Amino acid sequence: MAIQDTIREQVTGHPVVLYMKGTPQFPQCGFSAAAVQMLQACGMDRFFSVDVLKEPEIRQGIKDYANWPTIPQLYVNGEFVGGCDIMREMYQAGERQQLLAKQSA
């Protein structure tokens, strides 16, 4: 299976997917840690995560998939939401809480 097919399966097979460095329990960069904290602050204690440090093909593949150069990357209901900066802006505006509430409806 091609890496793009694997990524497509991951983002469409789970309501919330975070591509990050490390794991939610042990983030390996400040941006990934912030992304996890924002998700948890929105009540998302369980979400699918992919540690791109352990999967180098996915690390590059996800950048190509979204045409977005940085990690972490958040997907909700198969749609690319953004990286840490966009997540922070949405969180501060209260938009992300609304977006995540829709995924559980």
Protein backbone atom coordinates (compact mmCIF):
# COMPACT_ATOMS: atom_id res chain seq x y z
CA MET A 1 0.00 0.00 0.00
CA ALA A 2 1.34 3.42 -0.93
CA ILE A 3 2.02 5.86 1.89
CA GLN A 4 -0.64 8.27 0.60
CA ASP A 5 -3.21 5.45 0.78
CA THR A 6 -2.15 4.69 4.36
CA ILE A 7 -2.54 8.36 5.32
CA ARG A 8 -5.93 8.60 3.58
CA GLU A 9 -7.09 5.54 5.52
CA GLN A 10 -5.91 7.05 8.79
CA VAL A 11 -7.55 10.46 8.32
CA THR A 12 -10.84 9.04 7.05
CA GLY A 13 -10.95 6.09 9.44
CA HIS A 14 -10.84 8.14 12.66
CA PRO A 15 -12.85 11.22 13.66
CA VAL A 16 -9.80 13.10 15.01
CA VAL A 17 -6.22 12.43 13.88
CA LEU A 18 -3.11 14.25 15.06
CA TYR A 19 0.20 13.72 13.27
CA MET A 20 2.80 14.71 15.80
CA LYS A 21 6.33 14.23 17.05
CA GLY A 22 6.10 11.76 19.89
CA THR A 23 2.94 10.51 21.55
CA PRO A 24 0.16 12.31 23.43
CA GLN A 25 1.68 10.99 26.67
CA PHE A 26 5.24 11.97 25.67
CA PRO A 27 5.32 14.72 23.01
CA GLN A 28 8.80 15.25 21.55
CA CYS A 29 8.47 18.92 20.62
CA GLY A 30 6.77 21.98 22.05
CA PHE A 31 4.37 22.36 19.13
CA SER A 32 3.16 18.77 19.45
CA ALA A 33 2.78 19.23 23.22
CA ALA A 34 0.72 22.39 22.66
CA ALA A 35 -1.49 20.61 20.10
CA VAL A 36 -2.21 17.78 22.54
CA GLN A 37 -2.94 20.24 25.36
CA MET A 38 -5.40 22.17 23.18
CA LEU A 39 -7.21 18.98 22.15
CA GLN A 40 -7.44 17.88 25.76
CA ALA A 41 -8.68 21.33 26.82
CA CYS A 42 -11.51 20.84 24.30
CA GLY A 43 -12.44 17.55 25.95
CA MET A 44 -10.67 15.32 23.44
CA ASP A 45 -8.89 12.87 25.71
CA ARG A 46 -8.98 10.12 23.08
CA PHE A 47 -7.89 10.69 19.52
CA PHE A 48 -5.84 8.81 16.97
CA SER A 49 -2.24 9.97 16.83
CA VAL A 50 0.69 9.09 14.63
CA ASP A 51 4.27 9.53 15.83
CA VAL A 52 6.05 10.74 12.69
CA LEU A 53 9.44 10.26 14.37
CA LYS A 54 8.85 6.51 14.32
CA GLU A 55 7.46 6.52 10.77
CA PRO A 56 9.74 8.57 8.46
CA GLU A 57 7.68 7.75 5.35
CA ILE A 58 4.61 9.23 7.00
CA ARG A 59 6.64 12.20 8.24
CA GLN A 60 7.28 13.29 4.65
CA GLY A 61 4.08 11.80 3.25
CA ILE A 62 1.80 13.84 5.49
CA LYS A 63 3.52 17.04 4.42
CA ASP A 64 2.83 16.12 0.80
CA TYR A 65 -0.72 14.91 1.54
CA ALA A 66 -1.82 18.25 3.00
CA ASN A 67 0.67 20.41 1.14
CA TRP A 68 1.61 21.73 4.59
CA PRO A 69 5.28 21.89 5.58
CA THR A 70 5.11 21.47 9.35
CA ILE A 71 4.10 19.00 12.01
CA PRO A 72 1.87 18.67 14.01
CA GLN A 73 -1.11 18.43 11.68
CA LEU A 74 -4.71 17.99 12.80
CA TYR A 75 -7.48 16.30 10.81
CA VAL A 76 -11.14 16.24 11.85
CA ASN A 77 -13.61 14.06 9.97
CA GLY A 78 -11.08 13.53 7.18
CA GLU A 79 -10.49 17.25 6.66
CA PHE A 80 -7.16 18.99 7.26
CA VAL A 81 -7.59 21.64 9.95
CA GLY A 82 -4.04 22.97 10.23
CA GLY A 83 -0.88 23.02 12.26
CA CYS A 84 -0.19 24.29 15.75
CA ASP A 85 -0.55 28.00 14.93
CA ILE A 86 -3.93 27.53 13.27
CA MET A 87 -5.04 25.26 16.09
CA ARG A 88 -4.04 27.96 18.60
CA GLU A 89 -5.93 30.68 16.70
CA MET A 90 -9.04 28.49 16.45
CA TYR A 91 -8.80 27.55 20.12
CA GLN A 92 -8.51 31.16 21.24
CA ALA A 93 -11.50 32.11 19.08
CA GLY A 94 -13.55 29.17 20.40
CA GLU A 95 -13.81 27.74 16.89
CA ARG A 96 -12.05 24.49 17.57
CA GLN A 97 -14.38 23.52 20.37
CA GLN A 98 -17.27 23.90 17.89
CA LEU A 99 -15.42 21.89 15.23
CA LEU A 100 -14.67 19.06 17.65
CA ALA A 101 -18.23 19.07 18.95
CA LYS A 102 -19.43 18.42 15.37
CA GLN A 103 -17.24 15.32 15.05
CA SER A 104 -18.96 13.68 18.00
CA ALA A 105 -22.47 14.51 16.80
